[in-house]
Every structure is written in C-alpha cells, then in structure tokens.
C-alpha cells in the first residue's frame, strides 16, 4: 500500500501526538485557518503527513516569536510555491512532449508586417524576412 504525503490518514489524536501538540491546539489552528485538514463524511478531521509537517512548522515558527497571522501567511506562501512547482513541472513536460512531436516547428520567420510564422524544416525564406533559430536541447 502506497500512501501519498497528501492522503488524509491521521485522526486528530494521532496527528496531535505526531506533531507534539494537544488536540485542542489542532482544533484552534483549524479554526484560524493555519492547518485545515480534510473531513470525513461524519465531519471528523483527518490529517495528512504534509499537514503534520505543517503543524510542526507552526510550532517551530511560534517558538521563534512569529505571530499566528505571520505563520498563516508563511504557510499560505509555502503551499502556493508547492502548487506552482507542480504546475511548472507539468508545463515543462507538456513543452518537451510538444517539441519532440513537432521538431520542425522550432524555426520561425517574421513577415514584413511583423507577423510571426512557423517554418517547416528546410524551408527557405524571402530576403525581407528574419529567421530565428533555437537549438534542439532545452538546456
């Protein structure tokens, strides 16, 4: 059985124990929007490994004197970074696939009117067009 870091598997008592906190503290953090676990059909909180790690981070930052509002903003930005990294990975993969499927579409020309048009591999241009070439590697 393979468990993702985002799978909601821990009840509040277990998550509190793993984070080294009292369950009431987790309830308070949920109310404040610091760490909001998913809910079961019966409305019980279920925490993921990622959320337990966030609870530990809340505890660390709080111990360093960061306000709860500051902690909320830090966690919000960290979650946004994680989401954006995933989106970048998806876009890089899609781009790599597209470049492999259309190798001749990497050469473009600019018409006299300024329009950009793709050129097929080996196509010649008129003298008043500018050709932009890009190497095959993505490095």
Protein backbone atom coordinates (compact mmCIF):
# COMPACT_ATOMS: atom_id res chain seq x y z
CA UNK A 1 0.00 0.00 0.00
CA UNK A 2 1.48 3.32 -1.11
CA UNK A 3 0.46 6.39 0.92
CA UNK A 4 0.92 9.86 -0.55
CA UNK A 5 2.05 12.72 1.71
CA UNK A 6 -1.30 14.35 0.90
CA UNK A 7 -3.54 11.40 1.84
CA UNK A 8 -5.69 12.27 4.89
CA UNK A 9 -4.96 9.28 7.11
CA UNK A 10 -4.45 10.50 10.69
CA UNK A 11 -7.22 11.19 13.20
CA UNK A 12 -6.75 14.32 15.29
CA UNK A 13 -5.37 12.43 18.32
CA UNK A 14 -2.69 10.71 16.21
CA UNK A 15 -1.81 13.91 14.33
CA UNK A 16 -1.53 15.79 17.63
CA UNK A 17 0.77 13.12 19.01
CA UNK A 18 2.95 13.15 15.88
CA UNK A 19 3.16 16.96 15.98
CA UNK A 20 3.80 17.04 19.73
CA UNK A 21 0.71 19.16 20.44
CA UNK A 22 -2.57 18.89 22.27
CA UNK A 23 -5.60 18.01 20.06
CA UNK A 24 -7.29 21.25 21.17
CA UNK A 25 -4.38 23.20 19.68
CA UNK A 26 -5.00 21.48 16.32
CA UNK A 27 -8.69 22.41 16.53
CA UNK A 28 -7.72 26.04 17.20
CA UNK A 29 -5.28 26.09 14.29
CA UNK A 30 -8.04 24.68 12.07
CA UNK A 31 -10.44 27.44 13.18
CA UNK A 32 -7.74 30.05 12.46
CA UNK A 33 -7.06 28.55 9.02
CA UNK A 34 -3.42 27.70 9.78
CA UNK A 35 -3.69 23.99 9.03
CA UNK A 36 -7.07 22.84 7.74
CA UNK A 37 -7.40 19.06 7.49
CA UNK A 38 -9.95 17.34 5.31
CA UNK A 39 -13.09 15.94 6.85
CA UNK A 40 -14.68 12.51 6.70
CA UNK A 41 -18.36 12.04 5.86
CA UNK A 42 -19.01 12.17 9.62
CA UNK A 43 -17.12 15.53 9.85
CA UNK A 44 -14.10 14.09 11.70
CA UNK A 45 -10.77 15.74 10.94
CA UNK A 46 -8.20 13.68 9.02
CA UNK A 47 -4.61 14.93 8.73
CA UNK A 48 -2.05 14.05 6.07
CA UNK A 49 1.70 13.68 6.55
CA UNK A 50 2.13 17.09 4.88
CA UNK A 51 -0.29 18.66 7.36
CA UNK A 52 1.53 17.07 10.31
CA UNK A 53 4.76 18.59 8.95
CA UNK A 54 2.98 21.94 8.71
CA UNK A 55 1.87 21.61 12.34
CA UNK A 56 5.50 21.08 13.34
CA UNK A 57 6.44 24.14 11.30
CA UNK A 58 3.74 26.18 13.07
CA UNK A 59 5.17 25.07 16.40
CA UNK A 60 8.72 25.98 15.35
CA UNK A 61 7.76 29.40 14.00
CA UNK A 62 5.63 30.14 17.05
CA UNK A 63 8.59 29.26 19.26
CA UNK A 64 10.68 31.77 17.30
CA UNK A 65 8.16 34.51 18.09
CA UNK A 66 6.31 34.69 14.75
CA UNK A 67 2.67 35.75 15.20
CA UNK A 68 -0.13 33.37 14.21
CA UNK A 69 -1.08 35.71 11.35
CA UNK A 70 2.54 35.68 10.17
CA UNK A 71 2.60 31.89 10.38
CA UNK A 72 -0.66 31.68 8.39
CA UNK A 73 0.84 33.84 5.64
CA UNK A 74 4.10 31.84 5.58
CA UNK A 75 2.18 28.56 5.24
CA UNK A 76 -0.04 30.05 2.55
CA UNK A 77 3.02 31.12 0.53
CA UNK A 78 4.75 27.75 1.04
CA UNK A 79 1.63 25.94 -0.22
CA UNK A 80 1.49 28.26 -3.21
CA UNK A 81 5.14 27.51 -4.02
CA UNK A 82 4.44 23.75 -3.89
CA UNK A 83 1.45 24.17 -6.23
CA UNK A 84 3.43 26.38 -8.64
CA UNK A 85 6.34 23.94 -8.74
CA UNK A 86 3.90 21.20 -9.72
CA UNK A 87 2.42 23.43 -12.42
CA UNK A 88 5.90 24.25 -13.78
CA UNK A 89 6.74 20.52 -13.90
CA UNK A 90 3.51 19.86 -15.83
CA UNK A 91 4.18 22.69 -18.28
CA UNK A 92 7.80 21.61 -18.82
CA UNK A 93 6.62 18.08 -19.55
CA UNK A 94 3.96 19.32 -21.98
CA UNK A 95 6.51 21.56 -23.71
CA UNK A 96 9.05 18.75 -24.02
CA UNK A 97 6.37 16.45 -25.48
CA UNK A 98 5.29 19.13 -27.95
CA UNK A 99 8.86 19.84 -29.02
CA UNK A 100 9.50 16.14 -29.61
CA UNK A 101 6.30 15.76 -31.62
CA UNK A 102 6.89 18.83 -33.77
CA UNK A 103 10.65 19.19 -34.30
CA UNK A 104 10.27 21.40 -37.42
CA UNK A 105 8.15 23.96 -35.64
CA UNK A 106 11.10 25.49 -33.82
CA UNK A 107 12.06 27.72 -36.72
CA UNK A 108 10.02 30.88 -37.19
CA UNK A 109 10.12 33.79 -39.58
CA UNK A 110 8.90 37.34 -39.30
CA UNK A 111 6.96 38.71 -42.27
CA UNK A 112 7.34 42.28 -43.50
CA UNK A 113 4.20 43.13 -41.50
CA UNK A 114 5.74 41.79 -38.29
CA UNK A 115 3.71 38.58 -38.11
CA UNK A 116 5.50 35.50 -36.79
CA UNK A 117 5.03 32.35 -38.84
CA UNK A 118 6.47 28.85 -38.27
CA UNK A 119 8.66 27.39 -40.99
CA UNK A 120 8.98 23.73 -41.84
CA UNK A 121 12.42 22.21 -41.56
CA UNK A 122 14.42 23.04 -44.71
CA UNK A 123 12.11 25.84 -45.89
CA UNK A 124 13.78 28.93 -47.34
CA UNK A 125 12.57 32.43 -46.66
CA UNK A 126 12.30 35.55 -48.78
CA UNK A 127 15.08 38.07 -48.31
CA UNK A 128 12.99 40.55 -46.28
CA UNK A 129 12.21 38.00 -43.54
CA UNK A 130 14.15 37.39 -40.34
CA UNK A 131 14.64 33.80 -39.22
CA UNK A 132 15.00 32.94 -35.53
CA UNK A 133 16.62 29.60 -34.76
CA UNK A 134 16.52 27.73 -31.47
CA UNK A 135 18.76 24.72 -30.66
CA UNK A 136 17.07 21.35 -30.09
CA UNK A 137 18.12 20.96 -26.45
CA UNK A 138 16.13 22.61 -23.68
CA UNK A 139 19.23 23.30 -21.59
